[in-house]
Amino acid sequence: MKSSTKISSPEELGRYLLKERKHLKLTQKEISEFADVGRKFIIELEKGKATAQLGKVFELLDSLGLEFHLIKRGDR
């Protein structure tokens, strides 16, 4: 079974992405280059910035080998 994590806030997303980046042993600079986003964006997102650009978030998710899925409450 594939693992999943419920994310309910920008702060939770930031903590999860930070944990995943560290698990992959990547620096903020390295992942910013892989994702083609600025290091400042990575820093702010990992701190839970609520106004992050969604397109850049998807680029980062892809670079970390993650996918975004939406599941209706109660369908799980």
C-alpha atoms as a PDB file:
ATOM      1  CA  MET A   1       0.000   0.000   0.000  1.00  0.00           C
ATOM      2  CA  LYS A   2       1.287   3.455  -0.873  1.00  0.00           C
ATOM      3  CA  SER A   3       1.754   5.822   2.044  1.00  0.00           C
ATOM      4  CA  SER A   4      -0.052   9.117   2.264  1.00  0.00           C
ATOM      5  CA  THR A   5       0.045  12.088   4.599  1.00  0.00           C
ATOM      6  CA  LYS A   6      -2.834  14.407   5.345  1.00  0.00           C
ATOM      7  CA  ILE A   7      -1.776  18.041   4.992  1.00  0.00           C
ATOM      8  CA  SER A   8      -4.144  20.594   6.517  1.00  0.00           C
ATOM      9  CA  SER A   9      -2.146  23.811   6.501  1.00  0.00           C
ATOM     10  CA  PRO A  10       0.747  25.603   4.795  1.00  0.00           C
ATOM     11  CA  GLU A  11       2.828  24.953   7.917  1.00  0.00           C
ATOM     12  CA  GLU A  12       2.214  21.197   7.707  1.00  0.00           C
ATOM     13  CA  LEU A  13       3.125  21.215   4.023  1.00  0.00           C
ATOM     14  CA  GLY A  14       6.329  23.109   4.787  1.00  0.00           C
ATOM     15  CA  ARG A  15       7.336  20.688   7.546  1.00  0.00           C
ATOM     16  CA  TYR A  16       6.618  17.700   5.309  1.00  0.00           C
ATOM     17  CA  LEU A  17       8.626  19.099   2.393  1.00  0.00           C
ATOM     18  CA  LEU A  18      11.527  19.964   4.705  1.00  0.00           C
ATOM     19  CA  LYS A  19      11.508  16.413   6.094  1.00  0.00           C
ATOM     20  CA  GLU A  20      11.399  14.920   2.585  1.00  0.00           C
ATOM     21  CA  ARG A  21      14.218  17.152   1.329  1.00  0.00           C
ATOM     22  CA  LYS A  22      16.393  16.164   4.272  1.00  0.00           C
ATOM     23  CA  HIS A  23      15.530  12.487   3.759  1.00  0.00           C
ATOM     24  CA  LEU A  24      16.843  12.852   0.199  1.00  0.00           C
ATOM     25  CA  LYS A  25      19.958  14.573   1.608  1.00  0.00           C
ATOM     26  CA  LEU A  26      19.460  17.649  -0.555  1.00  0.00           C
ATOM     27  CA  THR A  27      20.283  21.226   0.367  1.00  0.00           C
ATOM     28  CA  GLN A  28      17.850  24.056  -0.232  1.00  0.00           C
ATOM     29  CA  LYS A  29      20.170  25.258  -2.992  1.00  0.00           C
ATOM     30  CA  GLU A  30      20.224  21.858  -4.697  1.00  0.00           C
ATOM     31  CA  ILE A  31      16.458  21.361  -4.630  1.00  0.00           C
ATOM     32  CA  SER A  32      15.866  24.941  -5.795  1.00  0.00           C
ATOM     33  CA  GLU A  33      18.045  24.197  -8.826  1.00  0.00           C
ATOM     34  CA  PHE A  34      16.291  20.874  -9.527  1.00  0.00           C
ATOM     35  CA  ALA A  35      12.867  22.500  -9.225  1.00  0.00           C
ATOM     36  CA  ASP A  36      13.912  25.660 -11.085  1.00  0.00           C
ATOM     37  CA  VAL A  37      12.716  27.903  -8.263  1.00  0.00           C
ATOM     38  CA  GLY A  38      14.621  30.322  -6.085  1.00  0.00           C
ATOM     39  CA  ARG A  39      16.193  29.278  -2.800  1.00  0.00           C
ATOM     40  CA  LYS A  40      14.154  31.996  -1.081  1.00  0.00           C
ATOM     41  CA  PHE A  41      10.991  30.245  -2.293  1.00  0.00           C
ATOM     42  CA  ILE A  42      12.176  26.968  -0.704  1.00  0.00           C
ATOM     43  CA  ILE A  43      12.981  28.722   2.572  1.00  0.00           C
ATOM     44  CA  GLU A  44       9.591  30.448   2.720  1.00  0.00           C
ATOM     45  CA  LEU A  45       7.645  27.334   1.741  1.00  0.00           C
ATOM     46  CA  GLU A  46       9.414  25.206   4.352  1.00  0.00           C
ATOM     47  CA  LYS A  47       8.481  27.857   6.940  1.00  0.00           C
ATOM     48  CA  GLY A  48       4.808  27.532   5.938  1.00  0.00           C
ATOM     49  CA  LYS A  49       4.279  30.621   3.806  1.00  0.00           C
ATOM     50  CA  ALA A  50       0.579  30.656   2.970  1.00  0.00           C
ATOM     51  CA  THR A  51       0.907  32.641  -0.255  1.00  0.00           C
ATOM     52  CA  ALA A  52       3.312  30.369  -2.156  1.00  0.00           C
ATOM     53  CA  GLN A  53       2.788  30.210  -5.909  1.00  0.00           C
ATOM     54  CA  LEU A  54       0.961  26.984  -6.689  1.00  0.00           C
ATOM     55  CA  GLY A  55       2.851  26.346  -9.935  1.00  0.00           C
ATOM     56  CA  LYS A  56       6.151  26.500  -8.088  1.00  0.00           C
ATOM     57  CA  VAL A  57       4.802  24.167  -5.392  1.00  0.00           C
ATOM     58  CA  PHE A  58       4.028  21.592  -8.093  1.00  0.00           C
ATOM     59  CA  GLU A  59       7.533  21.962  -9.540  1.00  0.00           C
ATOM     60  CA  LEU A  60       8.992  21.333  -6.096  1.00  0.00           C
ATOM     61  CA  LEU A  61       6.733  18.323  -5.466  1.00  0.00           C
ATOM     62  CA  ASP A  62       7.841  16.837  -8.776  1.00  0.00           C
ATOM     63  CA  SER A  63      11.503  17.413  -7.946  1.00  0.00           C
ATOM     64  CA  LEU A  64      11.047  15.594  -4.631  1.00  0.00           C
ATOM     65  CA  GLY A  65       9.305  12.678  -6.335  1.00  0.00           C
ATOM     66  CA  LEU A  66       5.954  13.538  -4.764  1.00  0.00           C
ATOM     67  CA  GLU A  67       2.455  13.682  -6.241  1.00  0.00           C
ATOM     68  CA  PHE A  68      -0.531  15.790  -5.235  1.00  0.00           C
ATOM     69  CA  HIS A  69      -3.837  13.933  -4.752  1.00  0.00           C
ATOM     70  CA  LEU A  70      -7.201  15.222  -3.622  1.00  0.00           C
ATOM     71  CA  ILE A  71      -9.568  12.869  -1.815  1.00  0.00           C
ATOM     72  CA  LYS A  72     -13.090  13.790  -0.849  1.00  0.00           C
ATOM     73  CA  ARG A  73     -13.652  13.636   2.905  1.00  0.00           C
ATOM     74  CA  GLY A  74     -15.325  10.376   3.802  1.00  0.00           C
ATOM     75  CA  ASP A  75     -14.132   8.592   0.631  1.00  0.00           C
ATOM     76  CA  ARG A  76     -11.142   7.186   2.384  1.00  0.00           C
END
